[in-house]
Amino acid sequence: MEPEILYLDEPTASIDPQNTAVIEEIILNLKREARTLVIMATHDMEQVRRITDRVLRMEQGRIVG
């Protein structure tokens, strides 16, 4: 499967670190190889640093950066 856009909401919530790494690698591969645009909502800022190119942050329902 090679979607153009992949929307993810907390894709690794409640998942152990080993499987989190597997899921993150899948996401990174989709970005690199299939050139999939990934839009992800998460509270895990460490994960954001590992897999994102750009970040929009929300506070009180507003985009702040």
N, C-alpha and C. Protein backbone atom coordinates (compact mmCIF):
# COMPACT_ATOMS: atom_id res chain seq x y z
N MET A 1 0.85 -1.17 0.00
CA MET A 1 0.00 0.00 0.00
C MET A 1 0.90 1.23 0.00
N GLU A 2 0.63 2.17 -0.88
CA GLU A 2 1.41 3.40 -0.97
C GLU A 2 0.46 4.60 -1.03
N PRO A 3 -0.12 4.98 0.13
CA PRO A 3 -1.06 6.10 0.12
C PRO A 3 -0.36 7.42 -0.16
N GLU A 4 -1.09 8.37 -0.75
CA GLU A 4 -0.53 9.71 -0.96
C GLU A 4 -0.44 10.45 0.36
N ILE A 5 -1.49 10.32 1.17
CA ILE A 5 -1.55 10.98 2.47
C ILE A 5 -1.96 9.94 3.51
N LEU A 6 -1.27 9.96 4.64
CA LEU A 6 -1.57 9.05 5.74
C LEU A 6 -1.85 9.89 6.98
N TYR A 7 -3.07 9.80 7.50
CA TYR A 7 -3.46 10.53 8.70
C TYR A 7 -3.35 9.59 9.89
N LEU A 8 -2.59 9.98 10.90
CA LEU A 8 -2.38 9.13 12.07
C LEU A 8 -2.74 9.90 13.34
N ASP A 9 -3.46 9.24 14.24
CA ASP A 9 -3.80 9.84 15.53
C ASP A 9 -3.22 8.95 16.61
N GLU A 10 -2.15 9.44 17.26
CA GLU A 10 -1.46 8.70 18.30
C GLU A 10 -1.15 7.27 17.84
N PRO A 11 -0.39 7.10 16.78
CA PRO A 11 -0.19 5.77 16.18
C PRO A 11 0.50 4.76 17.08
N THR A 12 1.18 5.20 18.12
CA THR A 12 1.87 4.23 18.98
C THR A 12 1.44 4.34 20.44
N ALA A 13 0.28 4.93 20.68
CA ALA A 13 -0.22 5.03 22.05
C ALA A 13 -0.42 3.64 22.64
N SER A 14 0.04 3.45 23.85
CA SER A 14 -0.11 2.19 24.60
C SER A 14 0.58 1.01 23.94
N ILE A 15 1.65 1.27 23.18
CA ILE A 15 2.40 0.19 22.53
C ILE A 15 3.80 0.17 23.14
N ASP A 16 4.34 -1.02 23.34
CA ASP A 16 5.65 -1.17 23.95
C ASP A 16 6.74 -0.56 23.05
N PRO A 17 7.90 -0.22 23.64
CA PRO A 17 8.96 0.45 22.88
C PRO A 17 9.45 -0.32 21.65
N GLN A 18 9.53 -1.64 21.74
CA GLN A 18 10.01 -2.43 20.60
C GLN A 18 9.06 -2.29 19.40
N ASN A 19 7.77 -2.40 19.65
CA ASN A 19 6.80 -2.28 18.56
C ASN A 19 6.63 -0.83 18.11
N THR A 20 6.84 0.11 19.01
CA THR A 20 6.84 1.52 18.62
C THR A 20 7.92 1.77 17.59
N ALA A 21 9.10 1.20 17.81
CA ALA A 21 10.20 1.36 16.85
C ALA A 21 9.85 0.77 15.49
N VAL A 22 9.15 -0.36 15.49
CA VAL A 22 8.73 -0.99 14.24
C VAL A 22 7.76 -0.08 13.49
N ILE A 23 6.79 0.46 14.20
CA ILE A 23 5.80 1.34 13.58
C ILE A 23 6.45 2.61 13.05
N GLU A 24 7.37 3.18 13.83
CA GLU A 24 8.07 4.38 13.38
C GLU A 24 8.87 4.10 12.11
N GLU A 25 9.49 2.95 12.03
CA GLU A 25 10.25 2.60 10.82
C GLU A 25 9.33 2.46 9.61
N ILE A 26 8.16 1.91 9.81
CA ILE A 26 7.18 1.80 8.72
C ILE A 26 6.78 3.20 8.24
N ILE A 27 6.53 4.09 9.19
CA ILE A 27 6.16 5.47 8.83
C ILE A 27 7.29 6.14 8.06
N LEU A 28 8.51 6.00 8.55
CA LEU A 28 9.67 6.60 7.88
C LEU A 28 9.87 6.03 6.48
N ASN A 29 9.67 4.74 6.32
CA ASN A 29 9.79 4.12 5.00
C ASN A 29 8.73 4.64 4.04
N LEU A 30 7.52 4.80 4.51
CA LEU A 30 6.47 5.36 3.66
C LEU A 30 6.83 6.77 3.22
N LYS A 31 7.36 7.55 4.13
CA LYS A 31 7.77 8.92 3.78
C LYS A 31 8.87 8.91 2.73
N ARG A 32 9.87 8.06 2.92
CA ARG A 32 11.03 8.05 2.03
C ARG A 32 10.73 7.39 0.69
N GLU A 33 10.21 6.18 0.74
CA GLU A 33 10.10 5.36 -0.47
C GLU A 33 8.82 5.63 -1.26
N ALA A 34 7.72 5.80 -0.58
CA ALA A 34 6.45 6.02 -1.29
C ALA A 34 6.13 7.50 -1.40
N ARG A 35 6.95 8.33 -0.78
CA ARG A 35 6.73 9.78 -0.77
C ARG A 35 5.34 10.13 -0.24
N THR A 36 4.97 9.43 0.82
CA THR A 36 3.68 9.65 1.45
C THR A 36 3.77 10.86 2.38
N LEU A 37 2.77 11.73 2.29
CA LEU A 37 2.65 12.83 3.23
C LEU A 37 2.01 12.26 4.49
N VAL A 38 2.68 12.41 5.62
CA VAL A 38 2.17 11.88 6.89
C VAL A 38 1.74 13.06 7.76
N ILE A 39 0.49 13.02 8.17
CA ILE A 39 -0.05 14.01 9.10
C ILE A 39 -0.39 13.24 10.37
N MET A 40 0.23 13.66 11.48
CA MET A 40 0.11 12.87 12.70
C MET A 40 -0.20 13.75 13.89
N ALA A 41 -1.15 13.32 14.69
CA ALA A 41 -1.44 13.97 15.97
C ALA A 41 -0.82 13.10 17.06
N THR A 42 -0.06 13.73 17.95
CA THR A 42 0.57 12.98 19.03
C THR A 42 0.93 13.92 20.17
N HIS A 43 1.06 13.35 21.36
CA HIS A 43 1.57 14.07 22.53
C HIS A 43 3.02 13.70 22.79
N ASP A 44 3.57 12.78 22.03
CA ASP A 44 4.92 12.24 22.25
C ASP A 44 5.94 13.10 21.49
N MET A 45 6.48 14.10 22.18
CA MET A 45 7.41 15.02 21.52
C MET A 45 8.72 14.36 21.12
N GLU A 46 9.15 13.33 21.81
CA GLU A 46 10.35 12.60 21.39
C GLU A 46 10.10 11.90 20.06
N GLN A 47 8.93 11.35 19.89
CA GLN A 47 8.57 10.71 18.63
C GLN A 47 8.53 11.75 17.51
N VAL A 48 7.99 12.90 17.81
CA VAL A 48 7.95 14.00 16.84
C VAL A 48 9.36 14.30 16.34
N ARG A 49 10.31 14.38 17.26
CA ARG A 49 11.70 14.68 16.88
C ARG A 49 12.31 13.59 16.01
N ARG A 50 11.90 12.35 16.25
CA ARG A 50 12.47 11.23 15.49
C ARG A 50 11.95 11.13 14.06
N ILE A 51 10.69 11.48 13.83
CA ILE A 51 10.13 11.12 12.52
C ILE A 51 9.54 12.27 11.71
N THR A 52 9.55 13.49 12.22
CA THR A 52 8.88 14.55 11.46
C THR A 52 9.85 15.47 10.74
N ASP A 53 9.33 16.13 9.72
CA ASP A 53 10.06 17.15 9.00
C ASP A 53 9.61 18.54 9.44
N ARG A 54 8.32 18.67 9.71
CA ARG A 54 7.73 19.94 10.13
C ARG A 54 6.77 19.68 11.27
N VAL A 55 6.62 20.68 12.13
CA VAL A 55 5.76 20.54 13.31
C VAL A 55 4.84 21.74 13.41
N LEU A 56 3.58 21.47 13.63
CA LEU A 56 2.61 22.49 14.02
C LEU A 56 2.13 22.11 15.41
N ARG A 57 2.18 23.04 16.33
CA ARG A 57 1.81 22.77 17.70
C ARG A 57 0.51 23.51 18.02
N MET A 58 -0.35 22.84 18.77
CA MET A 58 -1.62 23.46 19.16
C MET A 58 -1.66 23.68 20.66
N GLU A 59 -2.22 24.81 21.04
CA GLU A 59 -2.51 25.11 22.43
C GLU A 59 -3.91 25.70 22.50
N GLN A 60 -4.71 25.15 23.36
CA GLN A 60 -6.08 25.61 23.56
C GLN A 60 -6.84 25.72 22.24
N GLY A 61 -6.62 24.73 21.36
CA GLY A 61 -7.35 24.65 20.10
C GLY A 61 -6.85 25.56 19.00
N ARG A 62 -5.70 26.20 19.21
CA ARG A 62 -5.15 27.11 18.21
C ARG A 62 -3.73 26.67 17.83
N ILE A 63 -3.40 26.80 16.54
CA ILE A 63 -2.06 26.50 16.10
C ILE A 63 -1.14 27.64 16.52
N VAL A 64 -0.05 27.28 17.23
CA VAL A 64 0.86 28.31 17.77
C VAL A 64 2.27 28.18 17.21
N GLY A 65 2.55 27.19 16.44
CA GLY A 65 3.90 27.09 15.89
C GLY A 65 4.14 25.80 15.17
